[in-house]
Structure formats: structure tokens, C-alpha cells
Amino acid sequence: TTELGTDSWITDLMTPEMAKVGFQG
């Protein structure tokens, strides 16, 4: 659960921040 379960959440949280520096999700 720790390794696999939270991946989608963390990707969702990081995607907008990556977008600010010009990277795709």
C-alpha cells in the first residue's frame, strides 16, 4: 500500500508543479 497505493495521488500532486516548469505529467 505504501509503495504502490499512493503513486496516483503523488502523481496528481506533482503534475501541476511539473507543468509550471514546462514538463508534461
mmCIF file of all heavy atoms, coordinates in Angstrom:
data_MODEL
# 
_entry.id   MODEL 
# 
loop_
_atom_site.group_PDB 
_atom_site.id 
_atom_site.type_symbol 
_atom_site.label_atom_id 
_atom_site.label_alt_id 
_atom_site.label_comp_id 
_atom_site.label_asym_id 
_atom_site.label_entity_id 
_atom_site.label_seq_id 
_atom_site.pdbx_PDB_ins_code 
_atom_site.Cartn_x 
_atom_site.Cartn_y 
_atom_site.Cartn_z 
_atom_site.occupancy 
_atom_site.B_iso_or_equiv 
_atom_site.pdbx_formal_charge 
_atom_site.auth_seq_id 
_atom_site.auth_comp_id 
_atom_site.auth_asym_id 
_atom_site.auth_atom_id 
_atom_site.pdbx_PDB_model_num 
ATOM 1   N N   . THR A 1 1  ? 0.835  -1.199 0.000   1.00 0.00 ? 1  THR A N   1 
ATOM 2   C CA  . THR A 1 1  ? 0.000  0.000  0.000   1.00 0.00 ? 1  THR A CA  1 
ATOM 3   C C   . THR A 1 1  ? 0.870  1.250  0.000   1.00 0.00 ? 1  THR A C   1 
ATOM 4   O O   . THR A 1 1  ? 0.593  2.222  -0.716  1.00 0.00 ? 1  THR A O   1 
ATOM 5   C CB  . THR A 1 1  ? -0.928 0.010  1.231   1.00 0.00 ? 1  THR A CB  1 
ATOM 6   O OG1 . THR A 1 1  ? -1.719 -1.185 1.218   1.00 0.00 ? 1  THR A OG1 1 
ATOM 7   C CG2 . THR A 1 1  ? -1.848 1.218  1.209   1.00 0.00 ? 1  THR A CG2 1 
ATOM 8   N N   . THR A 1 2  ? 1.942  1.230  0.779   1.00 0.00 ? 2  THR A N   1 
ATOM 9   C CA  . THR A 1 2  ? 2.861  2.362  0.831   1.00 0.00 ? 2  THR A CA  1 
ATOM 10  C C   . THR A 1 2  ? 3.579  2.548  -0.495  1.00 0.00 ? 2  THR A C   1 
ATOM 11  O O   . THR A 1 2  ? 3.711  3.670  -0.993  1.00 0.00 ? 2  THR A O   1 
ATOM 12  C CB  . THR A 1 2  ? 3.898  2.164  1.951   1.00 0.00 ? 2  THR A CB  1 
ATOM 13  O OG1 . THR A 1 2  ? 3.221  2.030  3.206   1.00 0.00 ? 2  THR A OG1 1 
ATOM 14  C CG2 . THR A 1 2  ? 4.853  3.342  2.028   1.00 0.00 ? 2  THR A CG2 1 
ATOM 15  N N   . GLU A 1 3  ? 4.033  1.430  -1.098  1.00 0.00 ? 3  GLU A N   1 
ATOM 16  C CA  . GLU A 1 3  ? 4.818  1.537  -2.333  1.00 0.00 ? 3  GLU A CA  1 
ATOM 17  C C   . GLU A 1 3  ? 3.962  1.812  -3.554  1.00 0.00 ? 3  GLU A C   1 
ATOM 18  O O   . GLU A 1 3  ? 4.313  2.641  -4.396  1.00 0.00 ? 3  GLU A O   1 
ATOM 19  C CB  . GLU A 1 3  ? 5.626  0.258  -2.558  1.00 0.00 ? 3  GLU A CB  1 
ATOM 20  C CG  . GLU A 1 3  ? 6.425  0.292  -3.853  1.00 0.00 ? 3  GLU A CG  1 
ATOM 21  C CD  . GLU A 1 3  ? 7.334  -0.903 -4.054  1.00 0.00 ? 3  GLU A CD  1 
ATOM 22  O OE1 . GLU A 1 3  ? 7.620  -1.605 -3.062  1.00 0.00 ? 3  GLU A OE1 1 
ATOM 23  O OE2 . GLU A 1 3  ? 7.765  -1.135 -5.190  1.00 0.00 ? 3  GLU A OE2 1 
ATOM 24  N N   . LEU A 1 4  ? 2.837  1.109  -3.669  1.00 0.00 ? 4  LEU A N   1 
ATOM 25  C CA  . LEU A 1 4  ? 2.046  1.172  -4.901  1.00 0.00 ? 4  LEU A CA  1 
ATOM 26  C C   . LEU A 1 4  ? 0.792  2.028  -4.786  1.00 0.00 ? 4  LEU A C   1 
ATOM 27  O O   . LEU A 1 4  ? 0.387  2.670  -5.739  1.00 0.00 ? 4  LEU A O   1 
ATOM 28  C CB  . LEU A 1 4  ? 1.635  -0.251 -5.314  1.00 0.00 ? 4  LEU A CB  1 
ATOM 29  C CG  . LEU A 1 4  ? 2.764  -1.263 -5.495  1.00 0.00 ? 4  LEU A CG  1 
ATOM 30  C CD1 . LEU A 1 4  ? 2.189  -2.642 -5.770  1.00 0.00 ? 4  LEU A CD1 1 
ATOM 31  C CD2 . LEU A 1 4  ? 3.704  -0.839 -6.602  1.00 0.00 ? 4  LEU A CD2 1 
ATOM 32  N N   . GLY A 1 5  ? 0.178  2.018  -3.602  1.00 0.00 ? 5  GLY A N   1 
ATOM 33  C CA  . GLY A 1 5  ? -1.152 2.601  -3.483  1.00 0.00 ? 5  GLY A CA  1 
ATOM 34  C C   . GLY A 1 5  ? -1.207 4.101  -3.621  1.00 0.00 ? 5  GLY A C   1 
ATOM 35  O O   . GLY A 1 5  ? -2.207 4.650  -4.108  1.00 0.00 ? 5  GLY A O   1 
ATOM 36  N N   . THR A 1 6  ? -0.171 4.799  -3.181  1.00 0.00 ? 6  THR A N   1 
ATOM 37  C CA  . THR A 1 6  ? -0.207 6.263  -3.186  1.00 0.00 ? 6  THR A CA  1 
ATOM 38  C C   . THR A 1 6  ? 0.374  6.873  -4.452  1.00 0.00 ? 6  THR A C   1 
ATOM 39  O O   . THR A 1 6  ? 0.393  8.093  -4.598  1.00 0.00 ? 6  THR A O   1 
ATOM 40  C CB  . THR A 1 6  ? 0.570  6.816  -1.977  1.00 0.00 ? 6  THR A CB  1 
ATOM 41  O OG1 . THR A 1 6  ? 1.907  6.333  -2.032  1.00 0.00 ? 6  THR A OG1 1 
ATOM 42  C CG2 . THR A 1 6  ? -0.066 6.387  -0.668  1.00 0.00 ? 6  THR A CG2 1 
ATOM 43  N N   . ASP A 1 7  ? 0.848  6.052  -5.398  1.00 0.00 ? 7  ASP A N   1 
ATOM 44  C CA  . ASP A 1 7  ? 1.506  6.576  -6.592  1.00 0.00 ? 7  ASP A CA  1 
ATOM 45  C C   . ASP A 1 7  ? 0.620  7.551  -7.363  1.00 0.00 ? 7  ASP A C   1 
ATOM 46  O O   . ASP A 1 7  ? 1.075  8.605  -7.813  1.00 0.00 ? 7  ASP A O   1 
ATOM 47  C CB  . ASP A 1 7  ? 1.927  5.434  -7.522  1.00 0.00 ? 7  ASP A CB  1 
ATOM 48  C CG  . ASP A 1 7  ? 3.263  4.835  -7.100  1.00 0.00 ? 7  ASP A CG  1 
ATOM 49  O OD1 . ASP A 1 7  ? 3.898  5.401  -6.192  1.00 0.00 ? 7  ASP A OD1 1 
ATOM 50  O OD2 . ASP A 1 7  ? 3.659  3.808  -7.664  1.00 0.00 ? 7  ASP A OD2 1 
ATOM 51  N N   . SER A 1 8  ? -0.645 7.190  -7.569  1.00 0.00 ? 8  SER A N   1 
ATOM 52  C CA  . SER A 1 8  ? -1.530 8.046  -8.368  1.00 0.00 ? 8  SER A CA  1 
ATOM 53  C C   . SER A 1 8  ? -1.759 9.388  -7.677  1.00 0.00 ? 8  SER A C   1 
ATOM 54  O O   . SER A 1 8  ? -1.825 10.429 -8.320  1.00 0.00 ? 8  SER A O   1 
ATOM 55  C CB  . SER A 1 8  ? -2.864 7.348  -8.625  1.00 0.00 ? 8  SER A CB  1 
ATOM 56  O OG  . SER A 1 8  ? -3.544 7.088  -7.412  1.00 0.00 ? 8  SER A OG  1 
ATOM 57  N N   . TRP A 1 9  ? -1.870 9.370  -6.342  1.00 0.00 ? 9  TRP A N   1 
ATOM 58  C CA  . TRP A 1 9  ? -2.043 10.624 -5.606  1.00 0.00 ? 9  TRP A CA  1 
ATOM 59  C C   . TRP A 1 9  ? -0.833 11.528 -5.795  1.00 0.00 ? 9  TRP A C   1 
ATOM 60  O O   . TRP A 1 9  ? -0.967 12.722 -6.064  1.00 0.00 ? 9  TRP A O   1 
ATOM 61  C CB  . TRP A 1 9  ? -2.170 10.351 -4.108  1.00 0.00 ? 9  TRP A CB  1 
ATOM 62  C CG  . TRP A 1 9  ? -3.415 9.670  -3.685  1.00 0.00 ? 9  TRP A CG  1 
ATOM 63  C CD1 . TRP A 1 9  ? -4.387 9.141  -4.486  1.00 0.00 ? 9  TRP A CD1 1 
ATOM 64  C CD2 . TRP A 1 9  ? -3.813 9.426  -2.339  1.00 0.00 ? 9  TRP A CD2 1 
ATOM 65  N NE1 . TRP A 1 9  ? -5.369 8.571  -3.714  1.00 0.00 ? 9  TRP A NE1 1 
ATOM 66  C CE2 . TRP A 1 9  ? -5.036 8.741  -2.400  1.00 0.00 ? 9  TRP A CE2 1 
ATOM 67  C CE3 . TRP A 1 9  ? -3.254 9.715  -1.113  1.00 0.00 ? 9  TRP A CE3 1 
ATOM 68  C CZ2 . TRP A 1 9  ? -5.721 8.331  -1.259  1.00 0.00 ? 9  TRP A CZ2 1 
ATOM 69  C CZ3 . TRP A 1 9  ? -3.926 9.320  0.030   1.00 0.00 ? 9  TRP A CZ3 1 
ATOM 70  C CH2 . TRP A 1 9  ? -5.152 8.636  -0.051  1.00 0.00 ? 9  TRP A CH2 1 
ATOM 71  N N   . ILE A 1 10 ? 0.350  10.971 -5.615  1.00 0.00 ? 10 ILE A N   1 
ATOM 72  C CA  . ILE A 1 10 ? 1.562  11.778 -5.693  1.00 0.00 ? 10 ILE A CA  1 
ATOM 73  C C   . ILE A 1 10 ? 1.763  12.310 -7.100  1.00 0.00 ? 10 ILE A C   1 
ATOM 74  O O   . ILE A 1 10 ? 2.187  13.449 -7.300  1.00 0.00 ? 10 ILE A O   1 
ATOM 75  C CB  . ILE A 1 10 ? 2.771  10.956 -5.211  1.00 0.00 ? 10 ILE A CB  1 
ATOM 76  C CG1 . ILE A 1 10 ? 2.595  10.658 -3.713  1.00 0.00 ? 10 ILE A CG1 1 
ATOM 77  C CG2 . ILE A 1 10 ? 4.076  11.676 -5.463  1.00 0.00 ? 10 ILE A CG2 1 
ATOM 78  C CD1 . ILE A 1 10 ? 3.541  9.648  -3.166  1.00 0.00 ? 10 ILE A CD1 1 
ATOM 79  N N   . THR A 1 11 ? 1.420  11.492 -8.105  1.00 0.00 ? 11 THR A N   1 
ATOM 80  C CA  . THR A 1 11 ? 1.482  11.972 -9.485  1.00 0.00 ? 11 THR A CA  1 
ATOM 81  C C   . THR A 1 11 ? 0.535  13.144 -9.689  1.00 0.00 ? 11 THR A C   1 
ATOM 82  O O   . THR A 1 11 ? 0.887  14.153 -10.311 1.00 0.00 ? 11 THR A O   1 
ATOM 83  C CB  . THR A 1 11 ? 1.138  10.827 -10.459 1.00 0.00 ? 11 THR A CB  1 
ATOM 84  O OG1 . THR A 1 11 ? 2.076  9.770  -10.296 1.00 0.00 ? 11 THR A OG1 1 
ATOM 85  C CG2 . THR A 1 11 ? 1.189  11.321 -11.905 1.00 0.00 ? 11 THR A CG2 1 
ATOM 86  N N   . ASP A 1 12 ? -0.686 13.044 -9.155  1.00 0.00 ? 12 ASP A N   1 
ATOM 87  C CA  . ASP A 1 12 ? -1.653 14.137 -9.263  1.00 0.00 ? 12 ASP A CA  1 
ATOM 88  C C   . ASP A 1 12 ? -1.134 15.414 -8.601  1.00 0.00 ? 12 ASP A C   1 
ATOM 89  O O   . ASP A 1 12 ? -1.319 16.516 -9.117  1.00 0.00 ? 12 ASP A O   1 
ATOM 90  C CB  . ASP A 1 12 ? -2.988 13.746 -8.616  1.00 0.00 ? 12 ASP A CB  1 
ATOM 91  C CG  . ASP A 1 12 ? -3.736 12.702 -9.433  1.00 0.00 ? 12 ASP A CG  1 
ATOM 92  O OD1 . ASP A 1 12 ? -3.397 12.524 -10.608 1.00 0.00 ? 12 ASP A OD1 1 
ATOM 93  O OD2 . ASP A 1 12 ? -4.655 12.067 -8.878  1.00 0.00 ? 12 ASP A OD2 1 
ATOM 94  N N   . LEU A 1 13 ? -0.487 15.274 -7.436  1.00 0.00 ? 13 LEU A N   1 
ATOM 95  C CA  . LEU A 1 13 ? 0.022  16.436 -6.715  1.00 0.00 ? 13 LEU A CA  1 
ATOM 96  C C   . LEU A 1 13 ? 1.218  17.067 -7.436  1.00 0.00 ? 13 LEU A C   1 
ATOM 97  O O   . LEU A 1 13 ? 1.401  18.288 -7.420  1.00 0.00 ? 13 LEU A O   1 
ATOM 98  C CB  . LEU A 1 13 ? 0.422  16.042 -5.293  1.00 0.00 ? 13 LEU A CB  1 
ATOM 99  C CG  . LEU A 1 13 ? -0.712 15.656 -4.339  1.00 0.00 ? 13 LEU A CG  1 
ATOM 100 C CD1 . LEU A 1 13 ? -0.138 15.109 -3.041  1.00 0.00 ? 13 LEU A CD1 1 
ATOM 101 C CD2 . LEU A 1 13 ? -1.621 16.836 -4.068  1.00 0.00 ? 13 LEU A CD2 1 
ATOM 102 N N   . MET A 1 14 ? 2.035  16.230 -8.059  1.00 0.00 ? 14 MET A N   1 
ATOM 103 C CA  . MET A 1 14 ? 3.246  16.725 -8.703  1.00 0.00 ? 14 MET A CA  1 
ATOM 104 C C   . MET A 1 14 ? 2.994  17.284 -10.096 1.00 0.00 ? 14 MET A C   1 
ATOM 105 O O   . MET A 1 14 ? 3.723  18.165 -10.551 1.00 0.00 ? 14 MET A O   1 
ATOM 106 C CB  . MET A 1 14 ? 4.298  15.611 -8.788  1.00 0.00 ? 14 MET A CB  1 
ATOM 107 C CG  . MET A 1 14 ? 4.921  15.244 -7.453  1.00 0.00 ? 14 MET A CG  1 
ATOM 108 S SD  . MET A 1 14 ? 6.133  13.907 -7.623  1.00 0.00 ? 14 MET A SD  1 
ATOM 109 C CE  . MET A 1 14 ? 7.393  14.691 -8.606  1.00 0.00 ? 14 MET A CE  1 
ATOM 110 N N   . THR A 1 15 ? 1.980  16.779 -10.796 1.00 0.00 ? 15 THR A N   1 
ATOM 111 C CA  . THR A 1 15 ? 1.749  17.172 -12.186 1.00 0.00 ? 15 THR A CA  1 
ATOM 112 C C   . THR A 1 15 ? 1.602  18.682 -12.365 1.00 0.00 ? 15 THR A C   1 
ATOM 113 O O   . THR A 1 15 ? 2.235  19.264 -13.267 1.00 0.00 ? 15 THR A O   1 
ATOM 114 C CB  . THR A 1 15 ? 0.532  16.435 -12.755 1.00 0.00 ? 15 THR A CB  1 
ATOM 115 O OG1 . THR A 1 15 ? 0.817  15.031 -12.763 1.00 0.00 ? 15 THR A OG1 1 
ATOM 116 C CG2 . THR A 1 15 ? 0.231  16.879 -14.180 1.00 0.00 ? 15 THR A CG2 1 
ATOM 117 N N   . PRO A 1 16 ? 0.775  19.373 -11.559 1.00 0.00 ? 16 PRO A N   1 
ATOM 118 C CA  . PRO A 1 16 ? 0.671  20.830 -11.743 1.00 0.00 ? 16 PRO A CA  1 
ATOM 119 C C   . PRO A 1 16 ? 2.007  21.545 -11.527 1.00 0.00 ? 16 PRO A C   1 
ATOM 120 O O   . PRO A 1 16 ? 2.304  22.526 -12.213 1.00 0.00 ? 16 PRO A O   1 
ATOM 121 C CB  . PRO A 1 16 ? -0.357 21.244 -10.673 1.00 0.00 ? 16 PRO A CB  1 
ATOM 122 C CG  . PRO A 1 16 ? -1.118 20.018 -10.372 1.00 0.00 ? 16 PRO A CG  1 
ATOM 123 C CD  . PRO A 1 16 ? -0.142 18.903 -10.507 1.00 0.00 ? 16 PRO A CD  1 
ATOM 124 N N   . GLU A 1 17 ? 2.792  21.052 -10.570 1.00 0.00 ? 17 GLU A N   1 
ATOM 125 C CA  . GLU A 1 17 ? 4.080  21.695 -10.307 1.00 0.00 ? 17 GLU A CA  1 
ATOM 126 C C   . GLU A 1 17 ? 5.059  21.456 -11.457 1.00 0.00 ? 17 GLU A C   1 
ATOM 127 O O   . GLU A 1 17 ? 5.840  22.339 -11.805 1.00 0.00 ? 17 GLU A O   1 
ATOM 128 C CB  . GLU A 1 17 ? 4.678  21.176 -8.991  1.00 0.00 ? 17 GLU A CB  1 
ATOM 129 C CG  . GLU A 1 17 ? 3.755  21.291 -7.792  1.00 0.00 ? 17 GLU A CG  1 
ATOM 130 C CD  . GLU A 1 17 ? 3.235  22.706 -7.597  1.00 0.00 ? 17 GLU A CD  1 
ATOM 131 O OE1 . GLU A 1 17 ? 4.003  23.655 -7.863  1.00 0.00 ? 17 GLU A OE1 1 
ATOM 132 O OE2 . GLU A 1 17 ? 2.080  22.859 -7.186  1.00 0.00 ? 17 GLU A OE2 1 
ATOM 133 N N   . MET A 1 18 ? 5.010  20.261 -12.041 1.00 0.00 ? 18 MET A N   1 
ATOM 134 C CA  . MET A 1 18 ? 5.844  19.976 -13.208 1.00 0.00 ? 18 MET A CA  1 
ATOM 135 C C   . MET A 1 18 ? 5.416  20.838 -14.393 1.00 0.00 ? 18 MET A C   1 
ATOM 136 O O   . MET A 1 18 ? 6.243  21.294 -15.180 1.00 0.00 ? 18 MET A O   1 
ATOM 137 C CB  . MET A 1 18 ? 5.757  18.489 -13.576 1.00 0.00 ? 18 MET A CB  1 
ATOM 138 C CG  . MET A 1 18 ? 6.254  17.533 -12.505 1.00 0.00 ? 18 MET A CG  1 
ATOM 139 S SD  . MET A 1 18 ? 8.035  17.565 -12.268 1.00 0.00 ? 18 MET A SD  1 
ATOM 140 C CE  . MET A 1 18 ? 8.560  16.490 -13.613 1.00 0.00 ? 18 MET A CE  1 
ATOM 141 N N   . ALA A 1 19 ? 4.099  21.064 -14.509 1.00 0.00 ? 19 ALA A N   1 
ATOM 142 C CA  . ALA A 1 19 ? 3.583  21.878 -15.604 1.00 0.00 ? 19 ALA A CA  1 
ATOM 143 C C   . ALA A 1 19 ? 4.108  23.316 -15.514 1.00 0.00 ? 19 ALA A C   1 
ATOM 144 O O   . ALA A 1 19 ? 4.341  23.974 -16.539 1.00 0.00 ? 19 ALA A O   1 
ATOM 145 C CB  . ALA A 1 19 ? 2.060  21.877 -15.596 1.00 0.00 ? 19 ALA A CB  1 
ATOM 146 N N   . LYS A 1 20 ? 4.300  23.807 -14.288 1.00 0.00 ? 20 LYS A N   1 
ATOM 147 C CA  . LYS A 1 20 ? 4.787  25.176 -14.110 1.00 0.00 ? 20 LYS A CA  1 
ATOM 148 C C   . LYS A 1 20 ? 6.188  25.369 -14.669 1.00 0.00 ? 20 LYS A C   1 
ATOM 149 O O   . LYS A 1 20 ? 6.578  26.482 -15.028 1.00 0.00 ? 20 LYS A O   1 
ATOM 150 C CB  . LYS A 1 20 ? 4.777  25.541 -12.622 1.00 0.00 ? 20 LYS A CB  1 
ATOM 151 C CG  . LYS A 1 20 ? 3.377  25.704 -12.036 1.00 0.00 ? 20 LYS A CG  1 
ATOM 152 C CD  . LYS A 1 20 ? 3.440  25.984 -10.547 1.00 0.00 ? 20 LYS A CD  1 
ATOM 153 C CE  . LYS A 1 20 ? 2.030  26.068 -9.956  1.00 0.00 ? 20 LYS A CE  1 
ATOM 154 N NZ  . LYS A 1 20 ? 2.073  26.285 -8.482  1.00 0.00 ? 20 LYS A NZ  1 
ATOM 155 N N   . VAL A 1 21 ? 6.967  24.284 -14.708 1.00 0.00 ? 21 VAL A N   1 
ATOM 156 C CA  . VAL A 1 21 ? 8.316  24.390 -15.264 1.00 0.00 ? 21 VAL A CA  1 
ATOM 157 C C   . VAL A 1 21 ? 8.385  23.790 -16.669 1.00 0.00 ? 21 VAL A C   1 
ATOM 158 O O   . VAL A 1 21 ? 9.467  23.498 -17.178 1.00 0.00 ? 21 VAL A O   1 
ATOM 159 C CB  . VAL A 1 21 ? 9.343  23.705 -14.339 1.00 0.00 ? 21 VAL A CB  1 
ATOM 160 C CG1 . VAL A 1 21 ? 9.474  24.475 -13.045 1.00 0.00 ? 21 VAL A CG1 1 
ATOM 161 C CG2 . VAL A 1 21 ? 8.970  22.253 -14.057 1.00 0.00 ? 21 VAL A CG2 1 
ATOM 162 N N   . GLY A 1 22 ? 7.221  23.587 -17.284 1.00 0.00 ? 22 GLY A N   1 
ATOM 163 C CA  . GLY A 1 22 ? 7.160  23.210 -18.689 1.00 0.00 ? 22 GLY A CA  1 
ATOM 164 C C   . GLY A 1 22 ? 7.237  21.736 -19.003 1.00 0.00 ? 22 GLY A C   1 
ATOM 165 O O   . GLY A 1 22 ? 7.539  21.361 -20.143 1.00 0.00 ? 22 GLY A O   1 
ATOM 166 N N   . PHE A 1 23 ? 6.964  20.868 -18.031 1.00 0.00 ? 23 PHE A N   1 
ATOM 167 C CA  . PHE A 1 23 ? 7.019  19.430 -18.274 1.00 0.00 ? 23 PHE A CA  1 
ATOM 168 C C   . PHE A 1 23 ? 5.621  18.835 -18.244 1.00 0.00 ? 23 PHE A C   1 
ATOM 169 O O   . PHE A 1 23 ? 4.745  19.295 -17.508 1.00 0.00 ? 23 PHE A O   1 
ATOM 170 C CB  . PHE A 1 23 ? 7.883  18.723 -17.227 1.00 0.00 ? 23 PHE A CB  1 
ATOM 171 C CG  . PHE A 1 23 ? 9.346  19.012 -17.349 1.00 0.00 ? 23 PHE A CG  1 
ATOM 172 C CD1 . PHE A 1 23 ? 9.971  19.880 -16.475 1.00 0.00 ? 23 PHE A CD1 1 
ATOM 173 C CD2 . PHE A 1 23 ? 10.094 18.419 -18.349 1.00 0.00 ? 23 PHE A CD2 1 
ATOM 174 C CE1 . PHE A 1 23 ? 11.321 20.151 -16.587 1.00 0.00 ? 23 PHE A CE1 1 
ATOM 175 C CE2 . PHE A 1 23 ? 11.447 18.681 -18.470 1.00 0.00 ? 23 PHE A CE2 1 
ATOM 176 C CZ  . PHE A 1 23 ? 12.066 19.554 -17.586 1.00 0.00 ? 23 PHE A CZ  1 
ATOM 177 N N   . GLN A 1 24 ? 5.416  17.771 -19.052 1.00 0.00 ? 24 GLN A N   1 
ATOM 178 C CA  . GLN A 1 24 ? 4.149  17.049 -19.051 1.00 0.00 ? 24 GLN A CA  1 
ATOM 179 C C   . GLN A 1 24 ? 4.055  16.173 -17.803 1.00 0.00 ? 24 GLN A C   1 
ATOM 180 O O   . GLN A 1 24 ? 5.059  15.816 -17.190 1.00 0.00 ? 24 GLN A O   1 
ATOM 181 C CB  . GLN A 1 24 ? 4.028  16.163 -20.288 1.00 0.00 ? 24 GLN A CB  1 
ATOM 182 C CG  . GLN A 1 24 ? 4.027  16.924 -21.607 1.00 0.00 ? 24 GLN A CG  1 
ATOM 183 C CD  . GLN A 1 24 ? 3.958  15.998 -22.810 1.00 0.00 ? 24 GLN A CD  1 
ATOM 184 O OE1 . GLN A 1 24 ? 3.767  14.798 -22.656 1.00 0.00 ? 24 GLN A OE1 1 
ATOM 185 N NE2 . GLN A 1 24 ? 4.121  16.543 -23.989 1.00 0.00 ? 24 GLN A NE2 1 
ATOM 186 N N   . GLY A 1 25 ? 2.805  15.815 -17.469 1.00 0.00 ? 25 GLY A N   1 
ATOM 187 C CA  . GLY A 1 25 ? 2.585  14.979 -16.296 1.00 0.00 ? 25 GLY A CA  1 
ATOM 188 C C   . GLY A 1 25 ? 3.278  13.634 -16.383 1.00 0.00 ? 25 GLY A C   1 
ATOM 189 O O   . GLY A 1 25 ? 3.690  13.066 -15.369 1.00 0.00 ? 25 GLY A O   1 
# 
